Amino acid sequence: MDKIYILKRKNLLRGPYTVDALKQKGLHKYDLIWYKGLPDWTPAQQVDAVLSCIREDNGSSDSNSVLKRIWHLFD
């Protein structure tokens, strides 16, 4: 059975998700992850099982990137 993950982003709990669902959703390295057996909420970048789900931030400052960041507030 696949491990089930809970995502905490901007103090809102989301999930449960499988790793495949997290890949589709995309994680940010500072999103918090918890799953049964993990002692506390942990930044995604510190959870080996979800590293492949983290979105790469290229640091672009173009208007498209700004719109993506604004849209992510509602994600």
N, C-alpha and C. Protein backbone atom coordinates (compact mmCIF):
# COMPACT_ATOMS: atom_id res chain seq x y z
N MET A 1 0.85 -1.19 0.00
CA MET A 1 0.00 0.00 0.00
C MET A 1 0.89 1.24 0.00
N ASP A 2 0.51 2.23 -0.79
CA ASP A 2 1.27 3.47 -0.87
C ASP A 2 1.15 4.28 0.42
N LYS A 3 2.23 4.96 0.75
CA LYS A 3 2.22 5.84 1.91
C LYS A 3 1.34 7.05 1.59
N ILE A 4 0.62 7.52 2.57
CA ILE A 4 -0.26 8.68 2.42
C ILE A 4 0.38 9.88 3.09
N TYR A 5 0.43 11.01 2.37
CA TYR A 5 1.06 12.23 2.85
C TYR A 5 0.03 13.32 3.04
N ILE A 6 0.24 14.13 4.06
CA ILE A 6 -0.56 15.33 4.30
C ILE A 6 0.35 16.52 4.04
N LEU A 7 -0.17 17.50 3.35
CA LEU A 7 0.57 18.70 2.99
C LEU A 7 0.05 19.87 3.81
N LYS A 8 0.96 20.64 4.37
CA LYS A 8 0.58 21.86 5.09
C LYS A 8 1.24 23.02 4.35
N ARG A 9 0.41 23.83 3.72
CA ARG A 9 0.89 24.97 2.94
C ARG A 9 0.12 26.20 3.39
N LYS A 10 0.86 27.21 3.77
CA LYS A 10 0.24 28.46 4.25
C LYS A 10 -0.77 28.19 5.37
N ASN A 11 -0.39 27.31 6.29
CA ASN A 11 -1.18 26.93 7.47
C ASN A 11 -2.50 26.24 7.14
N LEU A 12 -2.65 25.76 5.89
CA LEU A 12 -3.83 24.99 5.51
C LEU A 12 -3.41 23.55 5.26
N LEU A 13 -4.18 22.63 5.82
CA LEU A 13 -3.91 21.21 5.61
C LEU A 13 -4.57 20.76 4.32
N ARG A 14 -3.82 19.97 3.54
CA ARG A 14 -4.34 19.44 2.28
C ARG A 14 -3.98 17.98 2.19
N GLY A 15 -4.84 17.23 1.54
CA GLY A 15 -4.54 15.81 1.36
C GLY A 15 -5.69 14.99 1.88
N PRO A 16 -5.50 13.73 1.95
CA PRO A 16 -4.28 12.96 1.81
C PRO A 16 -3.87 12.80 0.34
N TYR A 17 -2.55 12.65 0.12
CA TYR A 17 -1.99 12.49 -1.21
C TYR A 17 -1.06 11.28 -1.24
N THR A 18 -0.98 10.67 -2.41
CA THR A 18 0.06 9.69 -2.67
C THR A 18 1.25 10.46 -3.25
N VAL A 19 2.38 9.81 -3.42
CA VAL A 19 3.53 10.47 -4.04
C VAL A 19 3.18 10.92 -5.46
N ASP A 20 2.45 10.08 -6.21
CA ASP A 20 2.07 10.45 -7.57
C ASP A 20 1.20 11.70 -7.59
N ALA A 21 0.28 11.80 -6.65
CA ALA A 21 -0.57 12.99 -6.58
C ALA A 21 0.25 14.23 -6.20
N LEU A 22 1.23 14.07 -5.32
CA LEU A 22 2.10 15.19 -4.96
C LEU A 22 2.94 15.64 -6.16
N LYS A 23 3.37 14.69 -6.99
CA LYS A 23 4.13 15.05 -8.20
C LYS A 23 3.29 15.89 -9.12
N GLN A 24 2.02 15.52 -9.28
CA GLN A 24 1.12 16.29 -10.13
C GLN A 24 0.85 17.67 -9.55
N LYS A 25 0.69 17.73 -8.26
CA LYS A 25 0.41 19.00 -7.59
C LYS A 25 1.64 19.89 -7.58
N GLY A 26 2.78 19.28 -7.33
CA GLY A 26 4.03 20.03 -7.22
C GLY A 26 4.19 20.59 -5.82
N LEU A 27 5.35 20.39 -5.26
CA LEU A 27 5.67 20.89 -3.93
C LEU A 27 6.70 21.99 -4.02
N HIS A 28 6.70 22.83 -3.04
CA HIS A 28 7.77 23.80 -2.86
C HIS A 28 8.64 23.27 -1.73
N LYS A 29 9.91 23.59 -1.76
CA LYS A 29 10.83 22.98 -0.80
C LYS A 29 10.48 23.28 0.65
N TYR A 30 9.77 24.36 0.92
CA TYR A 30 9.42 24.69 2.30
C TYR A 30 7.99 24.29 2.68
N ASP A 31 7.25 23.65 1.74
CA ASP A 31 5.95 23.10 2.13
C ASP A 31 6.21 22.06 3.21
N LEU A 32 5.30 21.95 4.15
CA LEU A 32 5.48 20.99 5.24
C LEU A 32 4.74 19.69 4.92
N ILE A 33 5.37 18.59 5.23
CA ILE A 33 4.84 17.26 4.95
C ILE A 33 4.76 16.49 6.26
N TRP A 34 3.71 15.69 6.36
CA TRP A 34 3.59 14.75 7.46
C TRP A 34 3.00 13.45 6.93
N TYR A 35 3.44 12.35 7.49
CA TYR A 35 2.84 11.04 7.22
C TYR A 35 2.96 10.22 8.49
N LYS A 36 2.14 9.18 8.58
CA LYS A 36 2.14 8.32 9.76
C LYS A 36 3.54 7.77 9.98
N GLY A 37 4.08 8.00 11.16
CA GLY A 37 5.42 7.57 11.50
C GLY A 37 6.42 8.71 11.52
N LEU A 38 6.09 9.83 10.89
CA LEU A 38 6.96 11.01 10.92
C LEU A 38 6.62 11.78 12.19
N PRO A 39 7.61 12.07 13.03
CA PRO A 39 7.32 12.66 14.34
C PRO A 39 6.71 14.06 14.30
N ASP A 40 6.97 14.84 13.26
CA ASP A 40 6.47 16.21 13.22
C ASP A 40 6.41 16.68 11.78
N TRP A 41 5.78 17.82 11.55
CA TRP A 41 5.75 18.43 10.23
C TRP A 41 7.19 18.72 9.80
N THR A 42 7.51 18.38 8.57
CA THR A 42 8.88 18.48 8.08
C THR A 42 8.89 19.15 6.71
N PRO A 43 9.82 20.08 6.46
CA PRO A 43 9.91 20.68 5.13
C PRO A 43 10.11 19.62 4.06
N ALA A 44 9.43 19.76 2.95
CA ALA A 44 9.49 18.76 1.87
C ALA A 44 10.92 18.46 1.45
N GLN A 45 11.79 19.46 1.47
CA GLN A 45 13.18 19.24 1.05
C GLN A 45 13.95 18.31 1.97
N GLN A 46 13.37 17.97 3.14
CA GLN A 46 14.02 17.07 4.08
C GLN A 46 13.38 15.68 4.12
N VAL A 47 12.39 15.45 3.23
CA VAL A 47 11.70 14.17 3.18
C VAL A 47 12.10 13.48 1.88
N ASP A 48 12.99 12.50 1.99
CA ASP A 48 13.55 11.84 0.80
C ASP A 48 12.48 11.32 -0.15
N ALA A 49 11.40 10.78 0.38
CA ALA A 49 10.38 10.16 -0.45
C ALA A 49 9.66 11.15 -1.37
N VAL A 50 9.70 12.45 -1.06
CA VAL A 50 8.98 13.43 -1.89
C VAL A 50 9.90 14.40 -2.61
N LEU A 51 11.20 14.17 -2.56
CA LEU A 51 12.14 15.09 -3.22
C LEU A 51 11.84 15.24 -4.71
N SER A 52 11.41 14.16 -5.35
CA SER A 52 11.12 14.21 -6.78
C SER A 52 9.86 15.03 -7.09
N CYS A 53 9.11 15.41 -6.08
CA CYS A 53 7.87 16.17 -6.26
C CYS A 53 8.08 17.68 -6.16
N ILE A 54 9.28 18.10 -5.77
CA ILE A 54 9.54 19.52 -5.52
C ILE A 54 9.74 20.24 -6.84
N ARG A 55 9.01 21.35 -7.00
CA ARG A 55 9.15 22.20 -8.18
C ARG A 55 10.47 22.93 -8.12
N GLU A 56 11.11 23.04 -9.25
CA GLU A 56 12.34 23.83 -9.35
C GLU A 56 11.95 25.30 -9.50
N ASP A 57 12.52 26.15 -8.70
CA ASP A 57 12.31 27.59 -8.80
C ASP A 57 13.53 28.17 -9.48
N ASN A 58 13.32 28.66 -10.70
CA ASN A 58 14.47 29.17 -11.46
C ASN A 58 14.83 30.60 -11.10
N GLY A 59 14.08 31.21 -10.18
CA GLY A 59 14.40 32.56 -9.73
C GLY A 59 14.09 33.65 -10.75
N SER A 60 13.37 33.29 -11.79
CA SER A 60 13.04 34.26 -12.84
C SER A 60 12.16 35.36 -12.28
N SER A 61 12.41 36.57 -12.72
CA SER A 61 11.61 37.69 -12.23
C SER A 61 10.73 38.27 -13.32
N ASP A 62 10.54 37.51 -14.42
CA ASP A 62 9.69 38.04 -15.49
C ASP A 62 8.24 38.03 -15.05
N SER A 63 7.38 38.69 -15.82
CA SER A 63 5.98 38.85 -15.42
C SER A 63 5.26 37.52 -15.35
N ASN A 64 5.63 36.56 -16.19
CA ASN A 64 5.01 35.25 -16.14
C ASN A 64 5.29 34.58 -14.79
N SER A 65 6.51 34.72 -14.29
CA SER A 65 6.88 34.14 -13.00
C SER A 65 6.09 34.82 -11.88
N VAL A 66 5.91 36.11 -11.96
CA VAL A 66 5.14 36.84 -10.94
C VAL A 66 3.70 36.34 -10.93
N LEU A 67 3.13 36.16 -12.11
CA LEU A 67 1.76 35.65 -12.19
C LEU A 67 1.66 34.25 -11.61
N LYS A 68 2.65 33.42 -11.87
CA LYS A 68 2.65 32.07 -11.31
C LYS A 68 2.70 32.12 -9.80
N ARG A 69 3.50 33.02 -9.24
CA ARG A 69 3.58 33.13 -7.77
C ARG A 69 2.27 33.62 -7.18
N ILE A 70 1.62 34.57 -7.86
CA ILE A 70 0.32 35.06 -7.39
C ILE A 70 -0.71 33.94 -7.47
N TRP A 71 -0.73 33.23 -8.59
CA TRP A 71 -1.67 32.13 -8.75
C TRP A 71 -1.46 31.07 -7.68
N HIS A 72 -0.19 30.83 -7.30
CA HIS A 72 0.11 29.82 -6.30
C HIS A 72 -0.50 30.16 -4.94
N LEU A 73 -0.76 31.43 -4.69
CA LEU A 73 -1.41 31.80 -3.43
C LEU A 73 -2.78 31.13 -3.30
N PHE A 74 -3.41 30.84 -4.44
CA PHE A 74 -4.73 30.23 -4.44
C PHE A 74 -4.65 28.73 -4.65
N ASP A 75 -3.46 28.22 -4.82
CA ASP A 75 -3.23 26.79 -5.10
C ASP A 75 -3.44 25.96 -3.86
